[in-house]
Amino acid sequence: MKKMLKKTGVAILTMAMLLSMGAMTAITASAADLSITVATSTGLSEDDSVSVYKVATKDASSWHWVGNFGNAGLDFKTISGYSNNSADVKTAATKLAAIAKTQVNGADATGKVGKTIPVTDAGYYLVIASPTNAALVAQPILLEVKDAATVQDVKVSPVSLTKVITKVQNETAKVATDGKSAEAASGDTIHYRLVAQIPNYDASADVNKMQPFYLKDTSMKTLSSVEGSFNVAIGDTNTAAATSGVTGDVTLVRTDAQNFKVTLEGKKLKDNGGKFLIVEFDATLGTDPVISKNLGVADRSDANKNDVKLVYGNDFATGQAIDKDGQPIDDEDKKPTLEDYADVYTSLLRVNKTFDNKKPTEGVSAKFALYANKECTAVVREAAETDSDGIVSFKGLSSGTYFLAETEVHSSYKKLAEPVEIKIDVDAAKAVYTPVTNVTPIDEDNDGKADGFETGINNPLLETLPATGGIGTYLFTIGGVSIVLLAGVLFVIYMKKRETEE
């Protein structure tokens, strides 16, 4: 609580601005020095602005409305002598706030939270706070400046937004504990969950003028949402499931594989106040993803990003954006937004191929494939051919054990006899991919962080045989023919001798 102002008395008014209900902020008013102070508390910042409008005053005979505040159509008797929990006063404050937004000259007084705001004289004042925390929707306050102190609870409607990854390939093992990141391989399906709390606007808010409440989700081209995978629901709790397509209260527009928008508006928005909009969908990591040095790093520079933005009205009374300049709501009145994200991280394996410990010459190459088992029956990556430098890369790998097999090699070189076991792990403490078996880190930009991993494979030359048409071949041929001829001659002599003996 801020200081109690002087002997003539203080009027205290609560302005709760917590993300959850119940905490209180006080407004005090003193008829002696004619000022209002909005005290700091959890939920309010000293940078928050406060606008004060004088709405009613008392002359020698009676109370009456000031200026065009009488256009609210209120009977002053409904608020004169109000109690702390008067529903009539709260309704009146909402209606008066709508009139205040039409004031050409703006507020009668303005200030900041925690600072004294002078007022002209005793009367009824409308106090409207504009919290910098856009996740708060607060009710306007009607305060009587007089000698007696009074306290009033203010209705608060928190707004929140969270985006998490819940599964990769229907498993949770590669998802971070907070759900803000996960490691995945190209082709993997990533399951996302969005939860946004819907504001609980005042009962008098005009459904035809309320600003739509919508989520806009955008991902990099390396991630593609799966059409037909969307489930959208409105739940009473933030843990409610969304497993039945798209509820009739919500509009879902999927522009393309990287963009979609979910909207709740008008009467449907107002009727679901205080509940939770829940969106679940799948996305697939593409074949040419961003390769990650770390997992879940703060700057997200090497992540495959997926972002969401929530846009809504934070004026409790109207469901619109809070007016910043006393004019009709326009682009200069920054519409409140909340943002969140959940990213995917992945690695790379590069094969550095040499032939007889040399870089390949023109026309010399090999092909490699990556498997999940030693028998090489579970294909992870189809066979790919080395380039002119003897390099072939497999992008988009998560941690795990793989088997690298050579499927083809130039006829002059020995083919790799057995697949090479490759193992990549994740160091959870440092949140980085780490080499384990038969791989070394690649750090091409010399920043001390791995750009992926490399393994070296060498093919030796086959053993050299005598060249075709060389002297060795002739000697073998002549020798063979001579033996055959000699055998023939000996056979003829043997037969003639036998005939003579008979």
Protein backbone atom coordinates (compact mmCIF):
# COMPACT_ATOMS: atom_id res chain seq x y z
CA MET A 1 0.00 0.00 0.00
CA LYS A 2 1.16 3.55 -0.71
CA LYS A 3 1.20 6.31 1.92
CA MET A 4 -2.02 7.37 3.62
CA LEU A 5 -2.67 10.92 2.58
CA LYS A 6 -3.21 13.56 5.29
CA LYS A 7 -5.70 13.89 8.14
CA THR A 8 -8.92 14.61 6.20
CA GLY A 9 -9.18 10.93 5.11
CA VAL A 10 -8.39 8.65 2.21
CA ALA A 11 -10.46 6.69 -0.32
CA ILE A 12 -8.79 3.39 -1.28
CA LEU A 13 -9.73 1.42 -4.36
CA THR A 14 -8.36 -1.97 -5.41
CA MET A 15 -7.05 -2.44 -8.96
CA ALA A 16 -6.13 -6.12 -9.18
CA MET A 17 -3.85 -6.75 -12.12
CA LEU A 18 -2.65 -10.32 -11.54
CA LEU A 19 -2.62 -13.10 -14.10
CA SER A 20 -4.71 -14.99 -11.56
CA MET A 21 -7.66 -13.59 -9.63
CA GLY A 22 -7.54 -12.09 -6.20
CA ALA A 23 -4.50 -9.88 -5.63
CA MET A 24 -5.23 -6.21 -5.01
CA THR A 25 -3.87 -2.81 -5.94
CA ALA A 26 -5.13 0.28 -4.19
CA ILE A 27 -6.25 3.69 -5.33
CA THR A 28 -6.39 6.36 -2.67
CA ALA A 29 -8.04 9.74 -2.92
CA SER A 30 -7.92 12.66 -0.55
CA ALA A 31 -10.37 15.53 -0.63
CA ALA A 32 -7.83 17.69 1.23
CA ASP A 33 -5.14 17.82 -1.43
CA LEU A 34 -7.47 16.55 -4.13
CA SER A 35 -5.37 13.86 -5.67
CA ILE A 36 -5.48 10.19 -6.63
CA THR A 37 -2.58 7.76 -6.28
CA VAL A 38 -2.52 4.34 -7.88
CA ALA A 39 -0.26 2.21 -5.72
CA THR A 40 2.19 -0.29 -7.17
CA SER A 41 1.61 -3.98 -6.62
CA THR A 42 2.21 -7.26 -8.36
CA GLY A 43 0.59 -6.93 -11.76
CA LEU A 44 1.18 -3.22 -12.16
CA SER A 45 4.33 -1.50 -13.30
CA GLU A 46 5.56 2.00 -12.57
CA ASP A 47 5.57 2.50 -16.32
CA ASP A 48 1.84 1.85 -16.54
CA SER A 49 -0.26 4.86 -17.47
CA VAL A 50 -3.38 6.01 -15.62
CA SER A 51 -6.11 8.21 -17.10
CA VAL A 52 -8.57 10.03 -14.82
CA TYR A 53 -11.91 11.47 -15.99
CA LYS A 54 -14.23 13.57 -13.83
CA VAL A 55 -17.71 12.20 -14.54
CA ALA A 56 -19.93 13.72 -11.84
CA THR A 57 -19.93 16.65 -9.44
CA LYS A 58 -22.18 18.08 -6.75
CA ASP A 59 -23.45 21.62 -6.60
CA ALA A 60 -25.45 23.28 -3.85
CA SER A 61 -28.55 21.23 -4.58
CA SER A 62 -27.59 17.84 -6.06
CA TRP A 63 -25.19 15.59 -7.97
CA HIS A 64 -25.13 15.77 -11.77
CA TRP A 65 -23.11 14.34 -14.66
CA VAL A 66 -20.23 16.30 -16.15
CA GLY A 67 -20.25 17.06 -19.88
CA ASN A 68 -21.38 14.25 -22.13
CA PHE A 69 -21.04 11.52 -19.47
CA GLY A 70 -24.79 11.93 -19.08
CA ASN A 71 -25.03 10.26 -22.50
CA ALA A 72 -24.31 6.94 -20.80
CA GLY A 73 -27.99 6.87 -19.87
CA LEU A 74 -27.35 6.22 -16.20
CA ASP A 75 -29.57 7.26 -13.32
CA PHE A 76 -27.16 8.84 -10.86
CA LYS A 77 -29.09 7.33 -7.98
CA THR A 78 -27.82 3.90 -8.99
CA ILE A 79 -24.24 4.83 -8.04
CA SER A 80 -24.61 7.51 -5.39
CA GLY A 81 -23.62 6.05 -2.05
CA TYR A 82 -22.41 2.81 -3.64
CA SER A 83 -21.16 -0.18 -1.67
CA ASN A 84 -17.86 -1.94 -2.30
CA ASN A 85 -19.41 -4.83 -4.19
CA SER A 86 -22.10 -2.94 -6.04
CA ALA A 87 -22.74 -4.55 -9.43
CA ASP A 88 -24.48 -1.32 -10.49
CA VAL A 89 -21.32 0.68 -9.97
CA LYS A 90 -19.23 -1.74 -12.01
CA THR A 91 -21.76 -1.64 -14.84
CA ALA A 92 -21.80 2.16 -14.64
CA ALA A 93 -18.00 2.30 -14.84
CA THR A 94 -18.08 0.19 -17.99
CA LYS A 95 -20.63 2.42 -19.68
CA LEU A 96 -18.81 5.59 -18.62
CA ALA A 97 -15.54 4.20 -19.98
CA ALA A 98 -17.16 3.89 -23.41
CA ILE A 99 -18.07 7.61 -23.22
CA ALA A 100 -14.57 8.51 -22.00
CA LYS A 101 -13.07 7.11 -25.20
CA THR A 102 -15.02 9.69 -27.20
CA GLN A 103 -13.59 12.67 -25.31
CA VAL A 104 -11.98 15.00 -27.81
CA ASN A 105 -9.62 16.45 -25.23
CA GLY A 106 -8.83 13.11 -23.64
CA ALA A 107 -8.55 12.60 -19.90
CA ASP A 108 -8.88 15.38 -17.33
CA ALA A 109 -5.73 14.11 -15.65
CA THR A 110 -3.07 11.54 -16.45
CA GLY A 111 -0.18 10.02 -14.61
CA LYS A 112 1.78 6.92 -13.79
CA VAL A 113 1.30 4.17 -11.27
CA GLY A 114 2.76 5.16 -7.91
CA LYS A 115 2.61 8.87 -8.70
CA THR A 116 0.17 11.43 -7.29
CA ILE A 117 -2.41 12.57 -9.86
CA PRO A 118 -4.07 15.91 -8.94
CA VAL A 119 -7.85 16.29 -9.44
CA THR A 120 -9.88 19.48 -9.47
CA ASP A 121 -12.39 18.95 -6.68
CA ALA A 122 -14.53 16.42 -4.87
CA GLY A 123 -16.72 14.27 -7.06
CA TYR A 124 -16.88 11.00 -8.95
CA TYR A 125 -13.90 10.06 -11.07
CA LEU A 126 -13.42 7.34 -13.63
CA VAL A 127 -9.93 5.77 -13.41
CA ILE A 128 -8.65 3.74 -16.35
CA ALA A 129 -5.28 1.99 -16.13
CA SER A 130 -3.38 0.87 -19.22
CA PRO A 131 -1.03 -1.88 -18.04
CA THR A 132 2.04 -2.52 -20.14
CA ASN A 133 1.49 -6.20 -19.43
CA ALA A 134 -0.82 -6.98 -22.34
CA ALA A 135 -1.79 -10.25 -20.68
CA LEU A 136 -4.14 -8.35 -18.37
CA VAL A 137 -7.65 -7.12 -19.06
CA ALA A 138 -8.85 -4.81 -16.27
CA GLN A 139 -12.16 -3.19 -15.43
CA PRO A 140 -12.44 0.61 -15.35
CA ILE A 141 -12.91 1.99 -11.83
CA LEU A 142 -15.46 4.52 -10.61
CA LEU A 143 -14.15 6.33 -7.54
CA GLU A 144 -15.82 8.92 -5.29
CA VAL A 145 -13.29 11.41 -3.95
CA LYS A 146 -14.48 12.26 -0.44
CA ASP A 147 -13.29 12.25 3.13
CA ALA A 148 -14.19 8.66 3.97
CA ALA A 149 -12.04 5.75 2.77
CA THR A 150 -13.56 2.93 0.77
CA VAL A 151 -12.24 -0.28 -0.87
CA GLN A 152 -13.60 -1.98 -3.95
CA ASP A 153 -12.55 -5.23 -5.66
CA VAL A 154 -11.97 -4.97 -9.39
CA LYS A 155 -12.74 -7.79 -11.77
CA VAL A 156 -9.65 -9.04 -13.56
CA SER A 157 -9.49 -11.25 -16.63
CA PRO A 158 -6.06 -12.71 -17.35
CA VAL A 159 -5.01 -13.64 -20.88
CA SER A 160 -2.27 -16.19 -21.51
CA LEU A 161 -0.62 -18.03 -24.37
CA THR A 162 1.57 -21.13 -24.41
CA LYS A 163 2.98 -23.21 -27.25
CA VAL A 164 4.74 -26.51 -26.67
CA ILE A 165 5.85 -29.64 -28.49
CA THR A 166 4.35 -32.73 -26.88
CA LYS A 167 5.68 -35.55 -29.07
CA VAL A 168 8.10 -36.41 -31.87
CA GLN A 169 7.06 -39.52 -33.82
CA ASN A 170 4.51 -40.24 -31.04
CA GLU A 171 7.28 -40.36 -28.43
CA THR A 172 8.28 -37.89 -25.72
CA ALA A 173 11.93 -38.93 -25.27
CA LYS A 174 13.33 -36.24 -27.57
CA VAL A 175 11.16 -33.38 -26.25
CA ALA A 176 12.59 -30.94 -23.69
CA THR A 177 11.01 -30.95 -20.25
CA ASP A 178 9.43 -27.53 -20.77
CA GLY A 179 8.18 -28.48 -24.24
CA LYS A 180 9.81 -25.42 -25.82
CA SER A 181 12.12 -27.47 -28.02
CA ALA A 182 12.67 -30.96 -29.38
CA GLU A 183 15.19 -32.75 -31.54
CA ALA A 184 13.94 -34.45 -34.67
CA ALA A 185 15.04 -36.00 -37.95
CA SER A 186 13.89 -35.11 -41.45
CA GLY A 187 10.56 -36.75 -42.10
CA ASP A 188 9.63 -36.91 -38.42
CA THR A 189 6.19 -35.78 -37.32
CA ILE A 190 6.18 -33.16 -34.55
CA HIS A 191 3.02 -32.68 -32.47
CA TYR A 192 2.30 -29.12 -31.28
CA ARG A 193 -0.16 -27.83 -28.69
CA LEU A 194 -1.33 -24.21 -28.34
CA VAL A 195 -3.38 -22.96 -25.40
CA ALA A 196 -4.75 -19.40 -25.12
CA GLN A 197 -6.93 -18.12 -22.28
CA ILE A 198 -9.94 -16.17 -23.51
CA PRO A 199 -10.67 -12.77 -21.86
CA ASN A 200 -13.78 -12.49 -19.74
CA TYR A 201 -15.26 -9.23 -21.01
CA ASP A 202 -17.93 -7.16 -19.30
CA ALA A 203 -21.55 -8.20 -19.75
CA SER A 204 -22.36 -4.91 -21.47
CA ALA A 205 -19.68 -5.26 -24.19
CA ASP A 206 -21.19 -4.98 -27.68
CA VAL A 207 -20.51 -8.26 -29.51
CA ASN A 208 -20.69 -6.45 -32.86
CA LYS A 209 -17.80 -4.16 -31.93
CA MET A 210 -15.50 -6.51 -30.03
CA GLN A 211 -12.07 -7.08 -31.51
CA PRO A 212 -11.61 -10.69 -32.72
CA PHE A 213 -9.49 -12.98 -30.56
CA TYR A 214 -7.17 -14.89 -32.85
CA LEU A 215 -4.03 -17.01 -33.01
CA LYS A 216 -1.70 -16.63 -35.98
CA ASP A 217 0.83 -19.44 -36.35
CA THR A 218 3.88 -19.15 -38.64
CA SER A 219 6.73 -21.59 -39.21
CA MET A 220 9.88 -21.70 -41.32
CA LYS A 221 9.65 -23.50 -44.64
CA THR A 222 11.64 -26.33 -43.08
CA LEU A 223 8.50 -27.21 -41.10
CA SER A 224 5.18 -28.01 -42.78
CA SER A 225 1.87 -28.42 -41.01
CA VAL A 226 -0.03 -31.57 -41.94
CA GLU A 227 -3.38 -30.82 -43.52
CA GLY A 228 -6.15 -32.67 -41.74
CA SER A 229 -4.19 -32.97 -38.49
CA PHE A 230 -5.84 -29.98 -36.78
CA ASN A 231 -7.97 -30.37 -33.68
CA VAL A 232 -9.42 -27.19 -32.15
CA ALA A 233 -11.58 -27.01 -29.03
CA ILE A 234 -12.68 -24.68 -26.24
CA GLY A 235 -12.10 -26.17 -22.79
CA ASP A 236 -12.85 -25.22 -19.21
CA THR A 237 -9.22 -25.90 -18.23
CA ASN A 238 -5.86 -25.45 -19.93
CA THR A 239 -5.32 -29.23 -19.81
CA ALA A 240 -8.43 -30.09 -21.81
CA ALA A 241 -7.86 -32.26 -24.88
CA ALA A 242 -8.57 -31.20 -28.46
CA THR A 243 -9.31 -34.39 -30.37
CA SER A 244 -12.48 -33.78 -32.37
CA GLY A 245 -11.66 -31.62 -35.37
CA VAL A 246 -12.63 -27.95 -35.25
CA THR A 247 -15.35 -26.74 -32.88
CA GLY A 248 -18.18 -24.78 -34.46
CA ASP A 249 -17.39 -21.71 -32.36
CA VAL A 250 -13.99 -21.27 -34.02
CA THR A 251 -12.82 -20.45 -37.54
CA LEU A 252 -9.63 -22.13 -38.81
CA VAL A 253 -7.96 -20.92 -42.01
CA ARG A 254 -4.83 -22.73 -43.18
CA THR A 255 -3.26 -20.44 -45.80
CA ASP A 256 -0.44 -22.85 -46.63
CA ALA A 257 1.84 -25.36 -44.93
CA GLN A 258 3.58 -22.60 -42.96
CA ASN A 259 0.66 -20.39 -41.93
CA PHE A 260 -2.72 -20.79 -40.28
CA LYS A 261 -5.09 -18.62 -38.26
CA VAL A 262 -7.65 -19.59 -35.62
CA THR A 263 -10.30 -16.96 -34.79
CA LEU A 264 -12.97 -16.56 -32.11
CA GLU A 265 -15.17 -13.48 -32.36
CA GLY A 266 -18.44 -11.75 -31.56
CA LYS A 267 -20.97 -13.53 -29.38
CA LYS A 268 -18.93 -16.74 -29.43
CA LEU A 269 -15.97 -14.85 -27.99
CA LYS A 270 -18.07 -13.22 -25.28
CA ASP A 271 -19.93 -16.43 -24.36
CA ASN A 272 -16.65 -18.33 -23.88
CA GLY A 273 -15.00 -15.74 -21.65
CA GLY A 274 -12.58 -17.21 -19.12
CA LYS A 275 -12.24 -20.51 -20.99
CA PHE A 276 -9.31 -21.80 -23.05
CA LEU A 277 -8.85 -22.00 -26.79
CA ILE A 278 -6.85 -25.17 -27.52
CA VAL A 279 -5.23 -26.03 -30.85
CA GLU A 280 -3.30 -29.22 -31.59
CA PHE A 281 -1.67 -30.06 -34.93
CA ASP A 282 1.17 -31.98 -36.57
CA ALA A 283 4.08 -30.68 -38.62
CA THR A 284 6.78 -32.49 -40.56
CA LEU A 285 10.48 -31.61 -40.61
CA GLY A 286 11.67 -31.25 -44.22
CA THR A 287 14.67 -32.74 -46.01
CA ASP A 288 16.76 -29.55 -45.96
CA PRO A 289 16.39 -28.25 -42.40
CA VAL A 290 18.47 -25.73 -40.46
CA ILE A 291 21.34 -27.65 -38.85
CA SER A 292 21.62 -26.97 -35.13
CA LYS A 293 24.73 -26.36 -33.06
CA ASN A 294 22.82 -26.38 -29.75
CA LEU A 295 19.43 -27.41 -28.50
CA GLY A 296 16.97 -24.78 -27.30
CA VAL A 297 19.41 -21.86 -27.33
CA ALA A 298 18.03 -18.47 -26.33
CA ASP A 299 18.77 -16.71 -29.62
CA ARG A 300 17.12 -19.48 -31.68
CA SER A 301 19.62 -18.78 -34.47
CA ASP A 302 20.02 -22.41 -35.48
CA ALA A 303 16.49 -23.61 -34.83
CA ASN A 304 13.74 -24.68 -37.18
CA LYS A 305 11.32 -22.08 -35.84
CA ASN A 306 7.59 -22.21 -35.26
CA ASP A 307 6.01 -19.06 -33.78
CA VAL A 308 2.53 -18.09 -32.66
CA LYS A 309 1.01 -14.69 -31.96
CA LEU A 310 -2.20 -13.97 -30.05
CA VAL A 311 -4.08 -10.74 -30.86
CA TYR A 312 -7.07 -9.54 -28.82
CA GLY A 313 -8.77 -6.54 -27.24
CA ASN A 314 -7.68 -5.70 -23.68
CA ASP A 315 -10.43 -3.24 -22.85
CA PHE A 316 -12.57 -5.00 -20.26
CA ALA A 317 -15.54 -2.76 -21.02
CA THR A 318 -15.71 -3.09 -24.80
CA GLY A 319 -13.54 -6.01 -25.88
CA GLN A 320 -11.52 -3.62 -28.04
CA ALA A 321 -7.94 -2.37 -27.81
CA ILE A 322 -7.45 0.27 -25.13
CA ASP A 323 -7.45 3.70 -26.70
CA LYS A 324 -4.10 5.49 -26.44
CA ASP A 325 -4.94 8.93 -27.78
CA GLY A 326 -8.56 9.75 -26.98
CA GLN A 327 -9.55 9.19 -30.60
CA PRO A 328 -11.43 6.26 -32.17
CA ILE A 329 -9.45 3.02 -32.17
CA ASP A 330 -6.98 3.08 -35.05
CA ASP A 331 -3.57 1.76 -36.06
CA GLU A 332 -1.89 4.13 -33.61
CA ASP A 333 -3.57 2.27 -30.77
CA LYS A 334 -1.29 -0.75 -30.51
CA LYS A 335 -3.44 -3.82 -30.30
CA PRO A 336 -2.21 -6.06 -27.51
CA THR A 337 -0.40 -9.23 -28.51
CA LEU A 338 1.21 -12.17 -26.80
CA GLU A 339 3.83 -14.32 -28.52
CA ASP A 340 5.33 -17.76 -27.95
CA TYR A 341 7.24 -20.45 -29.83
CA ALA A 342 8.38 -24.06 -29.84
CA ASP A 343 11.35 -25.02 -32.03
CA VAL A 344 12.89 -28.12 -33.61
CA TYR A 345 16.63 -28.89 -33.64
CA THR A 346 18.48 -31.36 -35.84
CA SER A 347 22.00 -32.46 -36.85
CA LEU A 348 24.04 -33.58 -39.88
CA LEU A 349 26.40 -36.44 -40.77
CA ARG A 350 29.03 -35.85 -43.47
CA VAL A 351 30.99 -38.69 -45.09
CA ASN A 352 34.47 -37.63 -46.21
CA LYS A 353 35.42 -40.25 -48.81
CA THR A 354 38.97 -40.92 -50.05
CA PHE A 355 40.22 -43.38 -52.65
CA ASP A 356 43.58 -44.94 -51.78
CA ASN A 357 43.92 -42.05 -49.29
CA LYS A 358 43.46 -39.45 -52.05
CA LYS A 359 40.66 -37.20 -53.17
CA PRO A 360 38.71 -38.69 -56.08
CA THR A 361 39.80 -38.14 -59.65
CA GLU A 362 37.27 -37.44 -62.40
CA GLY A 363 34.82 -40.27 -62.85
CA VAL A 364 35.62 -41.89 -59.49
CA SER A 365 32.85 -41.94 -56.88
CA ALA A 366 31.01 -44.11 -54.35
CA LYS A 367 27.51 -44.34 -52.91
CA PHE A 368 26.50 -44.58 -49.25
CA ALA A 369 23.22 -45.25 -47.46
CA LEU A 370 22.30 -44.88 -43.79
CA TYR A 371 20.42 -47.54 -41.84
CA ALA A 372 18.97 -47.96 -38.38
CA ASN A 373 20.23 -51.54 -37.97
CA LYS A 374 23.43 -53.47 -38.66
CA GLU A 375 21.63 -55.78 -41.09
CA CYS A 376 20.95 -52.69 -43.23
CA THR A 377 17.27 -53.44 -43.70
CA ALA A 378 15.81 -50.38 -41.94
CA VAL A 379 16.58 -47.46 -44.26
CA VAL A 380 17.15 -44.06 -42.66
CA ARG A 381 18.54 -42.36 -45.78
CA GLU A 382 18.58 -43.76 -49.29
CA ALA A 383 21.90 -44.20 -51.10
CA ALA A 384 23.56 -40.93 -52.14
CA GLU A 385 26.61 -40.43 -54.36
CA THR A 386 29.77 -38.60 -53.33
CA ASP A 387 30.49 -35.30 -55.08
CA SER A 388 33.68 -34.27 -56.86
CA ASP A 389 35.37 -33.70 -53.48
CA GLY A 390 34.37 -37.14 -52.22
CA ILE A 391 31.70 -35.72 -49.89
CA VAL A 392 28.17 -36.94 -49.24
CA SER A 393 25.99 -35.45 -46.46
CA PHE A 394 22.94 -36.75 -44.63
CA LYS A 395 21.05 -33.73 -43.24
CA GLY A 396 18.39 -33.75 -40.58
CA LEU A 397 19.39 -36.40 -38.04
CA SER A 398 18.42 -36.65 -34.42
CA SER A 399 20.58 -38.31 -31.80
CA GLY A 400 20.82 -42.08 -32.08
CA THR A 401 22.76 -45.03 -33.49
CA TYR A 402 23.10 -45.43 -37.27
CA PHE A 403 24.90 -47.78 -39.65
CA LEU A 404 26.68 -46.35 -42.68
CA ALA A 405 26.98 -48.78 -45.60
CA GLU A 406 28.78 -48.36 -48.92
CA THR A 407 26.43 -49.57 -51.65
CA GLU A 408 28.59 -48.87 -54.72
CA VAL A 409 32.24 -48.03 -55.44
CA HIS A 410 34.41 -47.58 -58.51
CA SER A 411 35.62 -50.92 -59.94
CA SER A 412 39.25 -50.13 -59.19
CA TYR A 413 38.71 -49.93 -55.44
CA LYS A 414 37.74 -52.29 -52.65
CA LYS A 415 34.22 -51.82 -51.35
CA LEU A 416 33.66 -51.29 -47.61
CA ALA A 417 33.15 -54.80 -46.25
CA GLU A 418 31.01 -54.01 -43.17
CA PRO A 419 28.74 -51.07 -42.28
CA VAL A 420 30.27 -48.49 -39.95
CA GLU A 421 28.43 -47.87 -36.70
CA ILE A 422 27.77 -44.16 -36.08
CA LYS A 423 26.44 -42.81 -32.80
CA ILE A 424 25.39 -39.22 -32.04
CA ASP A 425 24.20 -38.26 -28.58
CA VAL A 426 22.81 -35.22 -26.78
CA ASP A 427 24.61 -33.74 -23.81
CA ALA A 428 21.59 -32.63 -21.80
CA ALA A 429 23.67 -30.56 -19.39
CA LYS A 430 25.13 -28.43 -22.20
CA ALA A 431 22.16 -28.84 -24.55
CA VAL A 432 24.41 -29.74 -27.49
CA TYR A 433 24.76 -32.62 -29.91
CA THR A 434 27.89 -34.66 -29.09
CA PRO A 435 29.87 -37.28 -31.08
CA VAL A 436 30.15 -40.75 -29.56
CA THR A 437 31.21 -43.44 -32.05
CA ASN A 438 33.24 -43.05 -35.26
CA VAL A 439 32.41 -39.37 -35.77
CA THR A 440 34.17 -36.07 -35.12
CA PRO A 441 32.64 -32.58 -34.88
CA ILE A 442 32.67 -30.23 -37.86
CA ASP A 443 33.33 -26.61 -36.87
CA GLU A 444 33.69 -24.78 -40.16
CA ASP A 445 33.05 -21.31 -38.74
CA ASN A 446 35.47 -21.83 -35.82
CA ASP A 447 32.99 -20.74 -33.16
CA GLY A 448 33.66 -23.73 -30.92
CA LYS A 449 30.29 -25.32 -31.71
CA ALA A 450 29.70 -28.29 -33.98
CA ASP A 451 28.07 -27.59 -37.36
CA GLY A 452 27.48 -31.33 -37.66
CA PHE A 453 29.61 -34.47 -37.59
CA GLU A 454 32.00 -36.20 -39.98
CA THR A 455 33.29 -39.69 -40.56
CA GLY A 456 36.14 -40.64 -42.92
CA ILE A 457 35.95 -43.65 -45.24
CA ASN A 458 38.88 -44.80 -47.43
CA ASN A 459 38.74 -47.32 -50.28
CA PRO A 460 42.10 -49.03 -51.09
CA LEU A 461 42.96 -50.08 -54.62
CA LEU A 462 42.22 -53.64 -55.67
CA GLU A 463 45.29 -55.94 -56.05
CA THR A 464 46.87 -55.38 -59.51
CA LEU A 465 46.67 -58.24 -62.07
CA PRO A 466 48.74 -58.38 -65.32
CA ALA A 467 47.36 -55.99 -67.84
CA THR A 468 45.17 -57.41 -70.61
CA GLY A 469 47.32 -58.21 -73.74
CA GLY A 470 50.62 -57.97 -71.80
CA ILE A 471 53.51 -60.44 -72.06
CA GLY A 472 52.32 -62.38 -69.05
CA THR A 473 49.07 -63.19 -70.79
CA TYR A 474 50.88 -64.37 -73.94
CA LEU A 475 53.17 -66.68 -71.99
CA PHE A 476 50.22 -68.29 -70.24
CA THR A 477 48.40 -68.70 -73.54
CA ILE A 478 51.37 -70.20 -75.44
CA GLY A 479 52.18 -72.53 -72.56
CA GLY A 480 48.62 -73.76 -72.41
CA VAL A 481 48.42 -74.39 -76.14
CA SER A 482 51.78 -76.24 -76.12
CA ILE A 483 50.62 -78.57 -73.37
CA VAL A 484 47.45 -79.39 -75.28
CA LEU A 485 49.40 -80.08 -78.50
CA LEU A 486 51.96 -82.25 -76.70
CA ALA A 487 49.16 -84.25 -75.12
CA GLY A 488 47.62 -84.77 -78.56
CA VAL A 489 50.90 -85.99 -80.08
CA LEU A 490 51.48 -88.41 -77.22
CA PHE A 491 47.94 -89.73 -77.59
CA VAL A 492 48.44 -90.42 -81.34
CA ILE A 493 51.75 -92.22 -80.74
CA TYR A 494 50.14 -94.31 -78.01
CA MET A 495 47.28 -95.39 -80.28
CA LYS A 496 49.62 -96.38 -83.16
CA LYS A 497 51.80 -98.43 -80.87
CA ARG A 498 48.74 -100.25 -79.53
CA GLU A 499 47.56 -101.10 -83.03
CA THR A 500 51.00 -102.55 -83.91
CA GLU A 501 51.01 -104.78 -80.82
CA GLU A 502 47.58 -106.15 -81.66
